[in-house]
Amino acid sequence: MAKLKHKLPRALGWLSVGLGLTELLGAKPLLRSLGLSRGHGLVRGYGVRELAAGVGLLGPARKRPWLWARVAGDVLDLATLGRGFREPGVRRGRLMAATGFVAGATLLDVYAAARA
């Protein structure tokens, strides 16, 4: 269990980097895959946030603030995804899968932050 405590923040850091790059560089295709046509700038901003958290988690600084930053970002992501269900033409199954992924990541983030 002690190894997980130290490895999980690093793994979440790499997840943030990957997700951040995806959001920053592929906002339009990402939204299009969900059936959404608006919010490209917002998704790019979320990508910058994810990259910052990832770099913080991979660097030498204390991990706990960056883990809680991920939790706060997850809450924002979930709220944004929830709003997407009201959009016409949304691909509900894909949006549900994305929401499930973020909900799972939120649980991991809360666990890691509480253990840090």
PDB file of N, CA and C in Angstrom:
ATOM      1  N   MET A   1       0.822  -1.198   0.000  1.00  0.00           N
ATOM      2  CA  MET A   1       0.000   0.000   0.000  1.00  0.00           C
ATOM      3  C   MET A   1       0.863   1.258   0.000  1.00  0.00           C
ATOM      4  N   ALA A   2       2.026   1.199   0.649  1.00  0.00           N
ATOM      5  CA  ALA A   2       2.904   2.368   0.697  1.00  0.00           C
ATOM      6  C   ALA A   2       3.419   2.720  -0.697  1.00  0.00           C
ATOM      7  N   LYS A   3       3.690   1.693  -1.523  1.00  0.00           N
ATOM      8  CA  LYS A   3       4.155   1.960  -2.881  1.00  0.00           C
ATOM      9  C   LYS A   3       3.090   2.688  -3.685  1.00  0.00           C
ATOM     10  N   LEU A   4       1.830   2.268  -3.525  1.00  0.00           N
ATOM     11  CA  LEU A   4       0.744   2.914  -4.241  1.00  0.00           C
ATOM     12  C   LEU A   4       0.647   4.381  -3.852  1.00  0.00           C
ATOM     13  N   LYS A   5       0.863   4.671  -2.588  1.00  0.00           N
ATOM     14  CA  LYS A   5       0.779   6.046  -2.101  1.00  0.00           C
ATOM     15  C   LYS A   5       1.766   6.936  -2.843  1.00  0.00           C
ATOM     16  N   HIS A   6       2.914   6.402  -3.213  1.00  0.00           N
ATOM     17  CA  HIS A   6       3.938   7.190  -3.885  1.00  0.00           C
ATOM     18  C   HIS A   6       3.820   7.124  -5.411  1.00  0.00           C
ATOM     19  N   LYS A   7       3.322   6.019  -5.935  1.00  0.00           N
ATOM     20  CA  LYS A   7       3.220   5.854  -7.380  1.00  0.00           C
ATOM     21  C   LYS A   7       1.963   6.488  -7.961  1.00  0.00           C
ATOM     22  N   LEU A   8       0.889   6.521  -7.206  1.00  0.00           N
ATOM     23  CA  LEU A   8      -0.369   7.035  -7.718  1.00  0.00           C
ATOM     24  C   LEU A   8      -0.276   8.506  -8.133  1.00  0.00           C
ATOM     25  N   PRO A   9       0.311   9.397  -7.314  1.00  0.00           N
ATOM     26  CA  PRO A   9       0.414  10.793  -7.766  1.00  0.00           C
ATOM     27  C   PRO A   9       1.199  10.927  -9.077  1.00  0.00           C
ATOM     28  N   ARG A  10       2.249  10.140  -9.230  1.00  0.00           N
ATOM     29  CA  ARG A  10       3.031  10.199 -10.469  1.00  0.00           C
ATOM     30  C   ARG A  10       2.186   9.711 -11.655  1.00  0.00           C
ATOM     31  N   ALA A  11       1.456   8.623 -11.468  1.00  0.00           N
ATOM     32  CA  ALA A  11       0.591   8.117 -12.533  1.00  0.00           C
ATOM     33  C   ALA A  11      -0.489   9.144 -12.891  1.00  0.00           C
ATOM     34  N   LEU A  12      -1.058   9.787 -11.882  1.00  0.00           N
ATOM     35  CA  LEU A  12      -2.056  10.820 -12.142  1.00  0.00           C
ATOM     36  C   LEU A  12      -1.435  12.026 -12.836  1.00  0.00           C
ATOM     37  N   GLY A  13      -0.174  12.299 -12.534  1.00  0.00           N
ATOM     38  CA  GLY A  13       0.540  13.370 -13.223  1.00  0.00           C
ATOM     39  C   GLY A  13       0.656  13.082 -14.713  1.00  0.00           C
ATOM     40  N   TRP A  14       1.035  11.848 -15.062  1.00  0.00           N
ATOM     41  CA  TRP A  14       1.133  11.480 -16.471  1.00  0.00           C
ATOM     42  C   TRP A  14      -0.237  11.487 -17.136  1.00  0.00           C
ATOM     43  N   LEU A  15      -1.269  11.068 -16.404  1.00  0.00           N
ATOM     44  CA  LEU A  15      -2.636  11.131 -16.938  1.00  0.00           C
ATOM     45  C   LEU A  15      -3.005  12.580 -17.251  1.00  0.00           C
ATOM     46  N   SER A  16      -2.665  13.497 -16.344  1.00  0.00           N
ATOM     47  CA  SER A  16      -2.951  14.913 -16.564  1.00  0.00           C
ATOM     48  C   SER A  16      -2.222  15.450 -17.791  1.00  0.00           C
ATOM     49  N   VAL A  17      -0.973  15.058 -17.947  1.00  0.00           N
ATOM     50  CA  VAL A  17      -0.209  15.524 -19.110  1.00  0.00           C
ATOM     51  C   VAL A  17      -0.864  15.027 -20.401  1.00  0.00           C
ATOM     52  N   GLY A  18      -1.192  13.747 -20.446  1.00  0.00           N
ATOM     53  CA  GLY A  18      -1.817  13.190 -21.645  1.00  0.00           C
ATOM     54  C   GLY A  18      -3.167  13.812 -21.947  1.00  0.00           C
ATOM     55  N   LEU A  19      -3.986  13.935 -20.919  1.00  0.00           N
ATOM     56  CA  LEU A  19      -5.304  14.532 -21.104  1.00  0.00           C
ATOM     57  C   LEU A  19      -5.183  16.005 -21.460  1.00  0.00           C
ATOM     58  N   GLY A  20      -4.262  16.694 -20.797  1.00  0.00           N
ATOM     59  CA  GLY A  20      -4.063  18.119 -21.075  1.00  0.00           C
ATOM     60  C   GLY A  20      -3.647  18.370 -22.513  1.00  0.00           C
ATOM     61  N   LEU A  21      -2.717  17.561 -23.022  1.00  0.00           N
ATOM     62  CA  LEU A  21      -2.303  17.714 -24.414  1.00  0.00           C
ATOM     63  C   LEU A  21      -3.453  17.417 -25.370  1.00  0.00           C
ATOM     64  N   THR A  22      -4.232  16.403 -25.047  1.00  0.00           N
ATOM     65  CA  THR A  22      -5.392  16.061 -25.878  1.00  0.00           C
ATOM     66  C   THR A  22      -6.381  17.215 -25.921  1.00  0.00           C
ATOM     67  N   GLU A  23      -6.674  17.788 -24.769  1.00  0.00           N
ATOM     68  CA  GLU A  23      -7.631  18.900 -24.709  1.00  0.00           C
ATOM     69  C   GLU A  23      -7.076  20.152 -25.378  1.00  0.00           C
ATOM     70  N   LEU A  24      -5.819  20.418 -25.181  1.00  0.00           N
ATOM     71  CA  LEU A  24      -5.212  21.627 -25.725  1.00  0.00           C
ATOM     72  C   LEU A  24      -5.082  21.556 -27.249  1.00  0.00           C
ATOM     73  N   LEU A  25      -4.620  20.423 -27.751  1.00  0.00           N
ATOM     74  CA  LEU A  25      -4.336  20.307 -29.180  1.00  0.00           C
ATOM     75  C   LEU A  25      -5.487  19.728 -29.995  1.00  0.00           C
ATOM     76  N   GLY A  26      -6.419  19.042 -29.338  1.00  0.00           N
ATOM     77  CA  GLY A  26      -7.504  18.391 -30.073  1.00  0.00           C
ATOM     78  C   GLY A  26      -8.879  18.729 -29.564  1.00  0.00           C
ATOM     79  N   ALA A  27      -9.076  19.972 -29.142  1.00  0.00           N
ATOM     80  CA  ALA A  27     -10.376  20.350 -28.565  1.00  0.00           C
ATOM     81  C   ALA A  27     -11.524  20.136 -29.541  1.00  0.00           C
ATOM     82  N   LYS A  28     -11.351  20.586 -30.774  1.00  0.00           N
ATOM     83  CA  LYS A  28     -12.457  20.464 -31.742  1.00  0.00           C
ATOM     84  C   LYS A  28     -12.812  19.012 -32.037  1.00  0.00           C
ATOM     85  N   PRO A  29     -11.837  18.159 -32.389  1.00  0.00           N
ATOM     86  CA  PRO A  29     -12.212  16.754 -32.635  1.00  0.00           C
ATOM     87  C   PRO A  29     -12.782  16.060 -31.402  1.00  0.00           C
ATOM     88  N   LEU A  30     -12.273  16.415 -30.228  1.00  0.00           N
ATOM     89  CA  LEU A  30     -12.779  15.820 -28.992  1.00  0.00           C
ATOM     90  C   LEU A  30     -14.249  16.166 -28.803  1.00  0.00           C
ATOM     91  N   LEU A  31     -14.577  17.436 -28.942  1.00  0.00           N
ATOM     92  CA  LEU A  31     -15.967  17.852 -28.792  1.00  0.00           C
ATOM     93  C   LEU A  31     -16.845  17.265 -29.895  1.00  0.00           C
ATOM     94  N   ARG A  32     -16.336  17.239 -31.111  1.00  0.00           N
ATOM     95  CA  ARG A  32     -17.097  16.679 -32.236  1.00  0.00           C
ATOM     96  C   ARG A  32     -17.418  15.201 -31.989  1.00  0.00           C
ATOM     97  N   SER A  33     -16.470  14.465 -31.388  1.00  0.00           N
ATOM     98  CA  SER A  33     -16.710  13.041 -31.113  1.00  0.00           C
ATOM     99  C   SER A  33     -17.834  12.837 -30.099  1.00  0.00           C
ATOM    100  N   LEU A  34     -18.077  13.854 -29.282  1.00  0.00           N
ATOM    101  CA  LEU A  34     -19.164  13.792 -28.303  1.00  0.00           C
ATOM    102  C   LEU A  34     -20.473  14.367 -28.850  1.00  0.00           C
ATOM    103  N   GLY A  35     -20.399  14.900 -30.074  1.00  0.00           N
ATOM    104  CA  GLY A  35     -21.589  15.507 -30.663  1.00  0.00           C
ATOM    105  C   GLY A  35     -21.818  16.928 -30.211  1.00  0.00           C
ATOM    106  N   LEU A  36     -20.783  17.578 -29.702  1.00  0.00           N
ATOM    107  CA  LEU A  36     -20.885  18.958 -29.234  1.00  0.00           C
ATOM    108  C   LEU A  36     -20.196  19.886 -30.231  1.00  0.00           C
ATOM    109  N   SER A  37     -20.759  21.052 -30.434  1.00  0.00           N
ATOM    110  CA  SER A  37     -20.202  21.975 -31.421  1.00  0.00           C
ATOM    111  C   SER A  37     -19.603  23.234 -30.806  1.00  0.00           C
ATOM    112  N   ARG A  38     -19.805  23.428 -29.518  1.00  0.00           N
ATOM    113  CA  ARG A  38     -19.310  24.662 -28.879  1.00  0.00           C
ATOM    114  C   ARG A  38     -18.384  24.311 -27.725  1.00  0.00           C
ATOM    115  N   GLY A  39     -17.568  25.300 -27.312  1.00  0.00           N
ATOM    116  CA  GLY A  39     -16.749  25.149 -26.124  1.00  0.00           C
ATOM    117  C   GLY A  39     -15.288  24.839 -26.375  1.00  0.00           C
ATOM    118  N   HIS A  40     -14.822  25.072 -27.605  1.00  0.00           N
ATOM    119  CA  HIS A  40     -13.430  24.748 -27.921  1.00  0.00           C
ATOM    120  C   HIS A  40     -12.447  25.499 -27.030  1.00  0.00           C
ATOM    121  N   GLY A  41     -12.701  26.792 -26.844  1.00  0.00           N
ATOM    122  CA  GLY A  41     -11.815  27.610 -25.995  1.00  0.00           C
ATOM    123  C   GLY A  41     -11.817  27.131 -24.553  1.00  0.00           C
ATOM    124  N   LEU A  42     -12.974  26.756 -24.072  1.00  0.00           N
ATOM    125  CA  LEU A  42     -13.094  26.251 -22.706  1.00  0.00           C
ATOM    126  C   LEU A  42     -12.299  24.963 -22.541  1.00  0.00           C
ATOM    127  N   VAL A  43     -12.426  24.063 -23.496  1.00  0.00           N
ATOM    128  CA  VAL A  43     -11.707  22.789 -23.421  1.00  0.00           C
ATOM    129  C   VAL A  43     -10.200  23.029 -23.491  1.00  0.00           C
ATOM    130  N   ARG A  44      -9.768  23.975 -24.309  1.00  0.00           N
ATOM    131  CA  ARG A  44      -8.337  24.299 -24.363  1.00  0.00           C
ATOM    132  C   ARG A  44      -7.857  24.836 -23.011  1.00  0.00           C
ATOM    133  N   GLY A  45      -8.680  25.652 -22.376  1.00  0.00           N
ATOM    134  CA  GLY A  45      -8.334  26.152 -21.035  1.00  0.00           C
ATOM    135  C   GLY A  45      -8.232  25.015 -20.033  1.00  0.00           C
ATOM    136  N   TYR A  46      -9.140  24.059 -20.134  1.00  0.00           N
ATOM    137  CA  TYR A  46      -9.067  22.877 -19.268  1.00  0.00           C
ATOM    138  C   TYR A  46      -7.777  22.101 -19.536  1.00  0.00           C
ATOM    139  N   GLY A  47      -7.337  22.095 -20.794  1.00  0.00           N
ATOM    140  CA  GLY A  47      -6.090  21.422 -21.133  1.00  0.00           C
ATOM    141  C   GLY A  47      -4.895  22.071 -20.461  1.00  0.00           C
ATOM    142  N   VAL A  48      -4.876  23.391 -20.428  1.00  0.00           N
ATOM    143  CA  VAL A  48      -3.796  24.108 -19.742  1.00  0.00           C
ATOM    144  C   VAL A  48      -3.804  23.770 -18.254  1.00  0.00           C
ATOM    145  N   ARG A  49      -5.005  23.729 -17.675  1.00  0.00           N
ATOM    146  CA  ARG A  49      -5.134  23.369 -16.257  1.00  0.00           C
ATOM    147  C   ARG A  49      -4.595  21.969 -16.000  1.00  0.00           C
ATOM    148  N   GLU A  50      -4.948  21.024 -16.858  1.00  0.00           N
ATOM    149  CA  GLU A  50      -4.467  19.646 -16.698  1.00  0.00           C
ATOM    150  C   GLU A  50      -2.950  19.575 -16.827  1.00  0.00           C
ATOM    151  N   LEU A  51      -2.392  20.284 -17.792  1.00  0.00           N
ATOM    152  CA  LEU A  51      -0.937  20.280 -17.961  1.00  0.00           C
ATOM    153  C   LEU A  51      -0.239  20.837 -16.726  1.00  0.00           C
ATOM    154  N   ALA A  52      -0.777  21.913 -16.175  1.00  0.00           N
ATOM    155  CA  ALA A  52      -0.178  22.496 -14.968  1.00  0.00           C
ATOM    156  C   ALA A  52      -0.201  21.496 -13.817  1.00  0.00           C
ATOM    157  N   ALA A  53      -1.322  20.827 -13.627  1.00  0.00           N
ATOM    158  CA  ALA A  53      -1.417  19.825 -12.558  1.00  0.00           C
ATOM    159  C   ALA A  53      -0.450  18.677 -12.820  1.00  0.00           C
ATOM    160  N   GLY A  54      -0.346  18.253 -14.060  1.00  0.00           N
ATOM    161  CA  GLY A  54       0.564  17.160 -14.403  1.00  0.00           C
ATOM    162  C   GLY A  54       2.011  17.504 -14.123  1.00  0.00           C
ATOM    163  N   VAL A  55       2.419  18.684 -14.538  1.00  0.00           N
ATOM    164  CA  VAL A  55       3.800  19.120 -14.288  1.00  0.00           C
ATOM    165  C   VAL A  55       4.044  19.234 -12.786  1.00  0.00           C
ATOM    166  N   GLY A  56       3.062  19.748 -12.054  1.00  0.00           N
ATOM    167  CA  GLY A  56       3.193  19.844 -10.600  1.00  0.00           C
ATOM    168  C   GLY A  56       3.352  18.482  -9.942  1.00  0.00           C
ATOM    169  N   LEU A  57       2.601  17.512 -10.412  1.00  0.00           N
ATOM    170  CA  LEU A  57       2.671  16.167  -9.830  1.00  0.00           C
ATOM    171  C   LEU A  57       3.947  15.430 -10.223  1.00  0.00           C
ATOM    172  N   LEU A  58       4.495  15.736 -11.370  1.00  0.00           N
ATOM    173  CA  LEU A  58       5.718  15.070 -11.823  1.00  0.00           C
ATOM    174  C   LEU A  58       6.981  15.752 -11.305  1.00  0.00           C
ATOM    175  N   GLY A  59       6.836  16.979 -10.822  1.00  0.00           N
ATOM    176  CA  GLY A  59       7.983  17.725 -10.319  1.00  0.00           C
ATOM    177  C   GLY A  59       8.295  17.402  -8.871  1.00  0.00           C
ATOM    178  N   PRO A  60       9.295  18.107  -8.326  1.00  0.00           N
ATOM    179  CA  PRO A  60       9.734  17.818  -6.961  1.00  0.00           C
ATOM    180  C   PRO A  60       8.865  18.448  -5.862  1.00  0.00           C
ATOM    181  N   ALA A  61       7.926  19.306  -6.237  1.00  0.00           N
ATOM    182  CA  ALA A  61       7.109  20.016  -5.238  1.00  0.00           C
ATOM    183  C   ALA A  61       6.197  19.050  -4.489  1.00  0.00           C
ATOM    184  N   ARG A  62       5.651  19.541  -3.388  1.00  0.00           N
ATOM    185  CA  ARG A  62       4.679  18.750  -2.636  1.00  0.00           C
ATOM    186  C   ARG A  62       3.516  18.366  -3.546  1.00  0.00           C
ATOM    187  N   LYS A  63       3.031  17.165  -3.402  1.00  0.00           N
ATOM    188  CA  LYS A  63       2.008  16.624  -4.298  1.00  0.00           C
ATOM    189  C   LYS A  63       0.581  16.982  -3.884  1.00  0.00           C
ATOM    190  N   ARG A  64       0.361  17.135  -2.587  1.00  0.00           N
ATOM    191  CA  ARG A  64      -1.013  17.292  -2.100  1.00  0.00           C
ATOM    192  C   ARG A  64      -1.763  18.466  -2.743  1.00  0.00           C
ATOM    193  N   PRO A  65      -1.168  19.669  -2.840  1.00  0.00           N
ATOM    194  CA  PRO A  65      -1.922  20.766  -3.474  1.00  0.00           C
ATOM    195  C   PRO A  65      -2.293  20.468  -4.927  1.00  0.00           C
ATOM    196  N   TRP A  66      -1.409  19.800  -5.635  1.00  0.00           N
ATOM    197  CA  TRP A  66      -1.688  19.476  -7.031  1.00  0.00           C
ATOM    198  C   TRP A  66      -2.770  18.401  -7.142  1.00  0.00           C
ATOM    199  N   LEU A  67      -2.805  17.489  -6.200  1.00  0.00           N
ATOM    200  CA  LEU A  67      -3.859  16.479  -6.200  1.00  0.00           C
ATOM    201  C   LEU A  67      -5.221  17.115  -5.933  1.00  0.00           C
ATOM    202  N   TRP A  68      -5.275  18.041  -4.988  1.00  0.00           N
ATOM    203  CA  TRP A  68      -6.544  18.725  -4.721  1.00  0.00           C
ATOM    204  C   TRP A  68      -6.923  19.620  -5.895  1.00  0.00           C
ATOM    205  N   ALA A  69      -5.937  20.160  -6.610  1.00  0.00           N
ATOM    206  CA  ALA A  69      -6.236  20.932  -7.822  1.00  0.00           C
ATOM    207  C   ALA A  69      -6.885  20.035  -8.871  1.00  0.00           C
ATOM    208  N   ARG A  70      -6.425  18.792  -8.954  1.00  0.00           N
ATOM    209  CA  ARG A  70      -7.057  17.837  -9.882  1.00  0.00           C
ATOM    210  C   ARG A  70      -8.506  17.583  -9.467  1.00  0.00           C
ATOM    211  N   VAL A  71      -8.748  17.431  -8.171  1.00  0.00           N
ATOM    212  CA  VAL A  71     -10.122  17.200  -7.690  1.00  0.00           C
ATOM    213  C   VAL A  71     -11.016  18.380  -8.087  1.00  0.00           C
ATOM    214  N   ALA A  72     -10.533  19.588  -7.856  1.00  0.00           N
ATOM    215  CA  ALA A  72     -11.316  20.781  -8.215  1.00  0.00           C
ATOM    216  C   ALA A  72     -11.577  20.813  -9.720  1.00  0.00           C
ATOM    217  N   GLY A  73     -10.573  20.463 -10.500  1.00  0.00           N
ATOM    218  CA  GLY A  73     -10.751  20.406 -11.947  1.00  0.00           C
ATOM    219  C   GLY A  73     -11.750  19.339 -12.354  1.00  0.00           C
ATOM    220  N   ASP A  74     -11.722  18.217 -11.662  1.00  0.00           N
ATOM    221  CA  ASP A  74     -12.681  17.141 -11.944  1.00  0.00           C
ATOM    222  C   ASP A  74     -14.118  17.619 -11.721  1.00  0.00           C
ATOM    223  N   VAL A  75     -14.336  18.356 -10.657  1.00  0.00           N
ATOM    224  CA  VAL A  75     -15.679  18.876 -10.364  1.00  0.00           C
ATOM    225  C   VAL A  75     -16.132  19.795 -11.498  1.00  0.00           C
ATOM    226  N   LEU A  76     -15.229  20.644 -11.950  1.00  0.00           N
ATOM    227  CA  LEU A  76     -15.539  21.526 -13.068  1.00  0.00           C
ATOM    228  C   LEU A  76     -15.822  20.726 -14.342  1.00  0.00           C
ATOM    229  N   ASP A  77     -15.010  19.716 -14.596  1.00  0.00           N
ATOM    230  CA  ASP A  77     -15.219  18.852 -15.773  1.00  0.00           C
ATOM    231  C   ASP A  77     -16.581  18.164 -15.714  1.00  0.00           C
ATOM    232  N   LEU A  78     -16.930  17.621 -14.550  1.00  0.00           N
ATOM    233  CA  LEU A  78     -18.215  16.931 -14.400  1.00  0.00           C
ATOM    234  C   LEU A  78     -19.389  17.876 -14.623  1.00  0.00           C
ATOM    235  N   ALA A  79     -19.263  19.101 -14.118  1.00  0.00           N
ATOM    236  CA  ALA A  79     -20.328  20.083 -14.326  1.00  0.00           C
ATOM    237  C   ALA A  79     -20.468  20.418 -15.811  1.00  0.00           C
ATOM    238  N   THR A  80     -19.349  20.562 -16.488  1.00  0.00           N
ATOM    239  CA  THR A  80     -19.369  20.880 -17.913  1.00  0.00           C
ATOM    240  C   THR A  80     -19.946  19.715 -18.718  1.00  0.00           C
ATOM    241  N   LEU A  81     -19.529  18.497 -18.397  1.00  0.00           N
ATOM    242  CA  LEU A  81     -20.070  17.322 -19.092  1.00  0.00           C
ATOM    243  C   LEU A  81     -21.573  17.196 -18.841  1.00  0.00           C
ATOM    244  N   GLY A  82     -21.999  17.444 -17.617  1.00  0.00           N
ATOM    245  CA  GLY A  82     -23.419  17.378 -17.297  1.00  0.00           C
ATOM    246  C   GLY A  82     -24.240  18.361 -18.112  1.00  0.00           C
ATOM    247  N   ARG A  83     -23.686  19.531 -18.317  1.00  0.00           N
ATOM    248  CA  ARG A  83     -24.373  20.541 -19.137  1.00  0.00           C
ATOM    249  C   ARG A  83     -24.484  20.078 -20.587  1.00  0.00           C
ATOM    250  N   GLY A  84     -23.512  19.305 -21.029  1.00  0.00           N
ATOM    251  CA  GLY A  84     -23.517  18.814 -22.401  1.00  0.00           C
ATOM    252  C   GLY A  84     -24.702  17.930 -22.732  1.00  0.00           C
ATOM    253  N   PHE A  85     -25.291  17.289 -21.736  1.00  0.00           N
ATOM    254  CA  PHE A  85     -26.438  16.405 -21.985  1.00  0.00           C
ATOM    255  C   PHE A  85     -27.658  17.176 -22.481  1.00  0.00           C
ATOM    256  N   ARG A  86     -27.661  18.477 -22.274  1.00  0.00           N
ATOM    257  CA  ARG A  86     -28.795  19.294 -22.729  1.00  0.00           C
ATOM    258  C   ARG A  86     -28.630  19.786 -24.166  1.00  0.00           C
ATOM    259  N   GLU A  87     -27.463  19.553 -24.751  1.00  0.00           N
ATOM    260  CA  GLU A  87     -27.197  20.034 -26.107  1.00  0.00           C
ATOM    261  C   GLU A  87     -27.895  19.159 -27.143  1.00  0.00           C
ATOM    262  N   PRO A  88     -28.459  19.782 -28.187  1.00  0.00           N
ATOM    263  CA  PRO A  88     -29.064  18.976 -29.258  1.00  0.00           C
ATOM    264  C   PRO A  88     -27.966  18.263 -30.057  1.00  0.00           C
ATOM    265  N   GLY A  89     -28.237  17.039 -30.440  1.00  0.00           N
ATOM    266  CA  GLY A  89     -27.289  16.287 -31.258  1.00  0.00           C
ATOM    267  C   GLY A  89     -26.166  15.628 -30.493  1.00  0.00           C
ATOM    268  N   VAL A  90     -26.203  15.700 -29.183  1.00  0.00           N
ATOM    269  CA  VAL A  90     -25.146  15.100 -28.375  1.00  0.00           C
ATOM    270  C   VAL A  90     -25.185  13.578 -28.524  1.00  0.00           C
ATOM    271  N   ARG A  91     -24.035  12.987 -28.510  1.00  0.00           N
ATOM    272  CA  ARG A  91     -23.926  11.528 -28.542  1.00  0.00           C
ATOM    273  C   ARG A  91     -23.925  11.042 -27.095  1.00  0.00           C
ATOM    274  N   ARG A  92     -25.103  10.737 -26.622  1.00  0.00           N
ATOM    275  CA  ARG A  92     -25.304  10.449 -25.198  1.00  0.00           C
ATOM    276  C   ARG A  92     -24.417   9.319 -24.682  1.00  0.00           C
ATOM    277  N   GLY A  93     -24.287   8.241 -25.439  1.00  0.00           N
ATOM    278  CA  GLY A  93     -23.465   7.118 -24.989  1.00  0.00           C
ATOM    279  C   GLY A  93     -22.011   7.524 -24.789  1.00  0.00           C
ATOM    280  N   ARG A  94     -21.483   8.278 -25.727  1.00  0.00           N
ATOM    281  CA  ARG A  94     -20.092   8.735 -25.605  1.00  0.00           C
ATOM    282  C   ARG A  94     -19.932   9.724 -24.462  1.00  0.00           C
ATOM    283  N   LEU A  95     -20.919  10.601 -24.321  1.00  0.00           N
ATOM    284  CA  LEU A  95     -20.856  11.571 -23.236  1.00  0.00           C
ATOM    285  C   LEU A  95     -20.965  10.870 -21.880  1.00  0.00           C
ATOM    286  N   MET A  96     -21.787   9.824 -21.812  1.00  0.00           N
ATOM    287  CA  MET A  96     -21.894   9.047 -20.572  1.00  0.00           C
ATOM    288  C   MET A  96     -20.563   8.350 -20.267  1.00  0.00           C
ATOM    289  N   ALA A  97     -19.917   7.814 -21.292  1.00  0.00           N
ATOM    290  CA  ALA A  97     -18.624   7.155 -21.092  1.00  0.00           C
ATOM    291  C   ALA A  97     -17.578   8.156 -20.604  1.00  0.00           C
ATOM    292  N   ALA A  98     -17.553   9.341 -21.202  1.00  0.00           N
ATOM    293  CA  ALA A  98     -16.610  10.382 -20.771  1.00  0.00           C
ATOM    294  C   ALA A  98     -16.888  10.794 -19.325  1.00  0.00           C
ATOM    295  N   THR A  99     -18.158  10.926 -18.988  1.00  0.00           N
ATOM    296  CA  THR A  99     -18.538  11.297 -17.623  1.00  0.00           C
ATOM    297  C   THR A  99     -18.133  10.198 -16.642  1.00  0.00           C
ATOM    298  N   GLY A 100     -18.308   8.953 -17.024  1.00  0.00           N
ATOM    299  CA  GLY A 100     -17.883   7.837 -16.173  1.00  0.00           C
ATOM    300  C   GLY A 100     -16.379   7.825 -15.967  1.00  0.00           C
ATOM    301  N   PHE A 101     -15.623   8.111 -17.018  1.00  0.00           N
ATOM    302  CA  PHE A 101     -14.168   8.187 -16.904  1.00  0.00           C
ATOM    303  C   PHE A 101     -13.768   9.274 -15.916  1.00  0.00           C
ATOM    304  N   VAL A 102     -14.360  10.462 -16.056  1.00  0.00           N
ATOM    305  CA  VAL A 102     -14.018  11.572 -15.160  1.00  0.00           C
ATOM    306  C   VAL A 102     -14.448  11.257 -13.729  1.00  0.00           C
ATOM    307  N   ALA A 103     -15.598  10.622 -13.548  1.00  0.00           N
ATOM    308  CA  ALA A 103     -16.040  10.251 -12.200  1.00  0.00           C
ATOM    309  C   ALA A 103     -15.052   9.270 -11.563  1.00  0.00           C
ATOM    310  N   GLY A 104     -14.576   8.305 -12.338  1.00  0.00           N
ATOM    311  CA  GLY A 104     -13.581   7.360 -11.829  1.00  0.00           C
ATOM    312  C   GLY A 104     -12.277   8.053 -11.479  1.00  0.00           C
ATOM    313  N   ALA A 105     -11.843   8.961 -12.343  1.00  0.00           N
ATOM    314  CA  ALA A 105     -10.615   9.721 -12.062  1.00  0.00           C
ATOM    315  C   ALA A 105     -10.793  10.569 -10.805  1.00  0.00           C
ATOM    316  N   THR A 106     -11.992  11.101 -10.612  1.00  0.00           N
ATOM    317  CA  THR A 106     -12.256  11.908  -9.415  1.00  0.00           C
ATOM    318  C   THR A 106     -12.079  11.072  -8.151  1.00  0.00           C
ATOM    319  N   LEU A 107     -12.591   9.854  -8.174  1.00  0.00           N
ATOM    320  CA  LEU A 107     -12.432   8.975  -7.011  1.00  0.00           C
ATOM    321  C   LEU A 107     -10.952   8.702  -6.731  1.00  0.00           C
ATOM    322  N   LEU A 108     -10.186   8.436  -7.775  1.00  0.00           N
ATOM    323  CA  LEU A 108      -8.741   8.229  -7.601  1.00  0.00           C
ATOM    324  C   LEU A 108      -8.055   9.479  -7.068  1.00  0.00           C
ATOM    325  N   ASP A 109      -8.446  10.627  -7.605  1.00  0.00           N
ATOM    326  CA  ASP A 109      -7.838  11.889  -7.164  1.00  0.00           C
ATOM    327  C   ASP A 109      -8.128  12.175  -5.695  1.00  0.00           C
ATOM    328  N   VAL A 110      -9.376  11.959  -5.289  1.00  0.00           N
ATOM    329  CA  VAL A 110      -9.753  12.192  -3.886  1.00  0.00           C
ATOM    330  C   VAL A 110      -8.972  11.225  -2.982  1.00  0.00           C
ATOM    331  N   TYR A 111      -8.898   9.976  -3.389  1.00  0.00           N
ATOM    332  CA  TYR A 111      -8.148   8.982  -2.610  1.00  0.00           C
ATOM    333  C   TYR A 111      -6.677   9.405  -2.477  1.00  0.00           C
ATOM    334  N   ALA A 112      -6.066   9.758  -3.602  1.00  0.00           N
ATOM    335  CA  ALA A 112      -4.657  10.141  -3.582  1.00  0.00           C
ATOM    336  C   ALA A 112      -4.421  11.401  -2.754  1.00  0.00           C
ATOM    337  N   ALA A 113      -5.323  12.383  -2.885  1.00  0.00           N
ATOM    338  CA  ALA A 113      -5.163  13.636  -2.136  1.00  0.00           C
ATOM    339  C   ALA A 113      -5.323  13.396  -0.635  1.00  0.00           C
ATOM    340  N   ALA A 114      -6.274  12.571  -0.272  1.00  0.00           N
ATOM    341  CA  ALA A 114      -6.505  12.287   1.148  1.00  0.00           C
ATOM    342  C   ALA A 114      -5.327  11.513   1.761  1.00  0.00           C
ATOM    343  N   ARG A 115      -4.646  10.688   0.959  1.00  0.00           N
ATOM    344  CA  ARG A 115      -3.521   9.890   1.446  1.00  0.00           C
ATOM    345  C   ARG A 115      -2.194  10.655   1.429  1.00  0.00           C
ATOM    346  N   ALA A 116      -2.143  11.751   0.690  1.00  0.00           N
ATOM    347  CA  ALA A 116      -0.868  12.487   0.537  1.00  0.00           C
ATOM    348  C   ALA A 116      -0.486  13.206   1.826  1.00  0.00           C
TER     349      ALA A 116
END
